[in-house]
Amino acid sequence: MEPILIYKALSNETRCQIMDWLKNPEHHFEEKKYMEYGISFRTGICVADIQKKSGLAQSVISNYLLTLQRAGLLESERIGKWTYYRRNEQTIKEFTEYIQNKL
């Protein structure tokens, strides 16, 4: 875990929103569509759905997701032609402990 990368990743409002959306995807995305393909929200949320919800260009969202992934906050899984993102709860837990102990 690199705290500076996490701080930088979370310094953008949209990236923080993405983390919030992925914390409780059932409140922000339509699960039925995923279930039709045999995918659960535990697998993650498709880039296209994150992009649609944000209203930003796909290239911008892809960059934001990569930033969050490089910081260790997200994990990704490729299924077919789609990439799904989910929160990396272990890194989030470590970062929370870091903040509690170091700040």
C-alpha atoms as a PDB file:
ATOM      1  CA  MET A   1       0.000   0.000   0.000  1.00  0.00           C
ATOM      2  CA  GLU A   2       1.310   3.416  -1.001  1.00  0.00           C
ATOM      3  CA  PRO A   3      -0.611   6.120   0.910  1.00  0.00           C
ATOM      4  CA  ILE A   4       0.506   8.947  -1.388  1.00  0.00           C
ATOM      5  CA  LEU A   5      -0.963   7.169  -4.437  1.00  0.00           C
ATOM      6  CA  ILE A   6      -4.216   6.655  -2.551  1.00  0.00           C
ATOM      7  CA  TYR A   7      -4.406  10.292  -1.474  1.00  0.00           C
ATOM      8  CA  LYS A   8      -3.827  11.383  -5.074  1.00  0.00           C
ATOM      9  CA  ALA A   9      -6.423   8.941  -6.403  1.00  0.00           C
ATOM     10  CA  LEU A  10      -9.015  10.190  -3.925  1.00  0.00           C
ATOM     11  CA  SER A  11      -8.304  13.862  -4.643  1.00  0.00           C
ATOM     12  CA  ASN A  12     -10.811  13.825  -7.497  1.00  0.00           C
ATOM     13  CA  GLU A  13     -14.556  14.047  -6.816  1.00  0.00           C
ATOM     14  CA  THR A  14     -15.561  11.629  -9.573  1.00  0.00           C
ATOM     15  CA  ARG A  15     -13.043   9.018  -8.464  1.00  0.00           C
ATOM     16  CA  CYS A  16     -14.453   9.301  -4.928  1.00  0.00           C
ATOM     17  CA  GLN A  17     -17.949   8.880  -6.356  1.00  0.00           C
ATOM     18  CA  ILE A  18     -16.844   5.745  -8.197  1.00  0.00           C
ATOM     19  CA  MET A  19     -15.535   4.301  -4.937  1.00  0.00           C
ATOM     20  CA  ASP A  20     -18.883   5.090  -3.317  1.00  0.00           C
ATOM     21  CA  TRP A  21     -20.860   3.547  -6.184  1.00  0.00           C
ATOM     22  CA  LEU A  22     -18.774   0.380  -5.990  1.00  0.00           C
ATOM     23  CA  LYS A  23     -19.206   0.141  -2.225  1.00  0.00           C
ATOM     24  CA  ASN A  24     -22.945  -0.487  -2.661  1.00  0.00           C
ATOM     25  CA  PRO A  25     -23.441  -1.269  -6.354  1.00  0.00           C
ATOM     26  CA  GLU A  26     -27.002  -2.495  -5.780  1.00  0.00           C
ATOM     27  CA  HIS A  27     -27.973   1.124  -5.020  1.00  0.00           C
ATOM     28  CA  HIS A  28     -26.401   2.511  -8.191  1.00  0.00           C
ATOM     29  CA  PHE A  29     -26.534  -0.149 -10.914  1.00  0.00           C
ATOM     30  CA  GLU A  30     -29.083  -2.579 -12.324  1.00  0.00           C
ATOM     31  CA  GLU A  31     -28.245  -6.082 -11.085  1.00  0.00           C
ATOM     32  CA  LYS A  32     -30.756  -7.841 -13.338  1.00  0.00           C
ATOM     33  CA  LYS A  33     -28.624  -7.204 -16.414  1.00  0.00           C
ATOM     34  CA  TYR A  34     -25.610  -8.782 -14.714  1.00  0.00           C
ATOM     35  CA  MET A  35     -27.549 -11.813 -13.530  1.00  0.00           C
ATOM     36  CA  GLU A  36     -28.718 -12.464 -17.102  1.00  0.00           C
ATOM     37  CA  TYR A  37     -25.049 -12.972 -17.988  1.00  0.00           C
ATOM     38  CA  GLY A  38     -24.347 -15.062 -14.887  1.00  0.00           C
ATOM     39  CA  ILE A  39     -22.304 -12.310 -13.260  1.00  0.00           C
ATOM     40  CA  SER A  40     -22.811 -10.972  -9.758  1.00  0.00           C
ATOM     41  CA  PHE A  41     -21.828  -7.610  -8.385  1.00  0.00           C
ATOM     42  CA  ARG A  42     -19.062  -9.453  -6.486  1.00  0.00           C
ATOM     43  CA  THR A  43     -17.321  -9.794  -9.850  1.00  0.00           C
ATOM     44  CA  GLY A  44     -17.496  -6.037 -10.295  1.00  0.00           C
ATOM     45  CA  ILE A  45     -19.190  -3.372 -12.356  1.00  0.00           C
ATOM     46  CA  CYS A  46     -18.624  -2.994 -16.077  1.00  0.00           C
ATOM     47  CA  VAL A  47     -16.669   0.039 -17.249  1.00  0.00           C
ATOM     48  CA  ALA A  48     -19.519   0.943 -19.605  1.00  0.00           C
ATOM     49  CA  ASP A  49     -21.993   1.164 -16.705  1.00  0.00           C
ATOM     50  CA  ILE A  50     -19.623   3.300 -14.637  1.00  0.00           C
ATOM     51  CA  GLN A  51     -19.091   5.555 -17.646  1.00  0.00           C
ATOM     52  CA  LYS A  52     -22.830   5.845 -18.278  1.00  0.00           C
ATOM     53  CA  LYS A  53     -23.557   6.742 -14.648  1.00  0.00           C
ATOM     54  CA  SER A  54     -20.795   9.352 -14.555  1.00  0.00           C
ATOM     55  CA  GLY A  55     -21.789  11.008 -17.816  1.00  0.00           C
ATOM     56  CA  LEU A  56     -18.118  11.442 -18.689  1.00  0.00           C
ATOM     57  CA  ALA A  57     -16.271  10.160 -21.745  1.00  0.00           C
ATOM     58  CA  GLN A  58     -15.201   6.525 -21.737  1.00  0.00           C
ATOM     59  CA  SER A  59     -11.530   7.532 -22.027  1.00  0.00           C
ATOM     60  CA  VAL A  60     -11.802   9.732 -18.924  1.00  0.00           C
ATOM     61  CA  ILE A  61     -13.479   6.983 -16.880  1.00  0.00           C
ATOM     62  CA  SER A  62     -10.943   4.401 -18.050  1.00  0.00           C
ATOM     63  CA  ASN A  63      -8.173   6.731 -16.898  1.00  0.00           C
ATOM     64  CA  TYR A  64      -9.885   7.271 -13.528  1.00  0.00           C
ATOM     65  CA  LEU A  65     -10.347   3.526 -13.019  1.00  0.00           C
ATOM     66  CA  LEU A  66      -6.709   2.889 -13.886  1.00  0.00           C
ATOM     67  CA  THR A  67      -5.627   5.554 -11.379  1.00  0.00           C
ATOM     68  CA  LEU A  68      -7.719   3.906  -8.657  1.00  0.00           C
ATOM     69  CA  GLN A  69      -6.382   0.480  -9.605  1.00  0.00           C
ATOM     70  CA  ARG A  70      -2.752   1.643  -9.558  1.00  0.00           C
ATOM     71  CA  ALA A  71      -3.368   3.054  -6.079  1.00  0.00           C
ATOM     72  CA  GLY A  72      -4.569  -0.409  -5.057  1.00  0.00           C
ATOM     73  CA  LEU A  73      -8.142   0.704  -4.370  1.00  0.00           C
ATOM     74  CA  LEU A  74      -9.704  -1.321  -7.199  1.00  0.00           C
ATOM     75  CA  GLU A  75      -9.322  -4.775  -8.659  1.00  0.00           C
ATOM     76  CA  SER A  76     -10.375  -5.696 -12.174  1.00  0.00           C
ATOM     77  CA  GLU A  77     -11.490  -8.830 -13.936  1.00  0.00           C
ATOM     78  CA  ARG A  78     -11.784  -9.284 -17.663  1.00  0.00           C
ATOM     79  CA  ILE A  79     -14.657 -11.462 -18.884  1.00  0.00           C
ATOM     80  CA  GLY A  80     -14.943 -11.696 -22.636  1.00  0.00           C
ATOM     81  CA  LYS A  81     -14.594  -8.224 -24.081  1.00  0.00           C
ATOM     82  CA  TRP A  82     -15.684  -6.466 -20.861  1.00  0.00           C
ATOM     83  CA  THR A  83     -13.682  -5.394 -17.824  1.00  0.00           C
ATOM     84  CA  TYR A  84     -15.346  -5.346 -14.414  1.00  0.00           C
ATOM     85  CA  TYR A  85     -14.101  -3.323 -11.445  1.00  0.00           C
ATOM     86  CA  ARG A  86     -14.652  -3.893  -7.733  1.00  0.00           C
ATOM     87  CA  ARG A  87     -13.232  -2.353  -4.596  1.00  0.00           C
ATOM     88  CA  ASN A  88     -10.095  -3.849  -3.048  1.00  0.00           C
ATOM     89  CA  GLU A  89     -11.383  -4.011   0.504  1.00  0.00           C
ATOM     90  CA  GLN A  90      -8.047  -5.266   1.880  1.00  0.00           C
ATOM     91  CA  THR A  91      -6.191  -2.156   0.702  1.00  0.00           C
ATOM     92  CA  ILE A  92      -9.016   0.074   1.933  1.00  0.00           C
ATOM     93  CA  LYS A  93      -8.775  -1.587   5.354  1.00  0.00           C
ATOM     94  CA  GLU A  94      -4.984  -1.130   5.432  1.00  0.00           C
ATOM     95  CA  PHE A  95      -5.338   2.518   4.430  1.00  0.00           C
ATOM     96  CA  THR A  96      -7.959   3.089   7.134  1.00  0.00           C
ATOM     97  CA  GLU A  97      -5.611   1.595   9.723  1.00  0.00           C
ATOM     98  CA  TYR A  98      -2.752   3.706   8.360  1.00  0.00           C
ATOM     99  CA  ILE A  99      -4.802   6.882   8.800  1.00  0.00           C
ATOM    100  CA  GLN A 100      -5.868   5.882  12.313  1.00  0.00           C
ATOM    101  CA  ASN A 101      -2.300   5.106  13.372  1.00  0.00           C
ATOM    102  CA  LYS A 102      -0.241   7.660  11.494  1.00  0.00           C
ATOM    103  CA  LEU A 103      -2.338  10.827  11.364  1.00  0.00           C
END
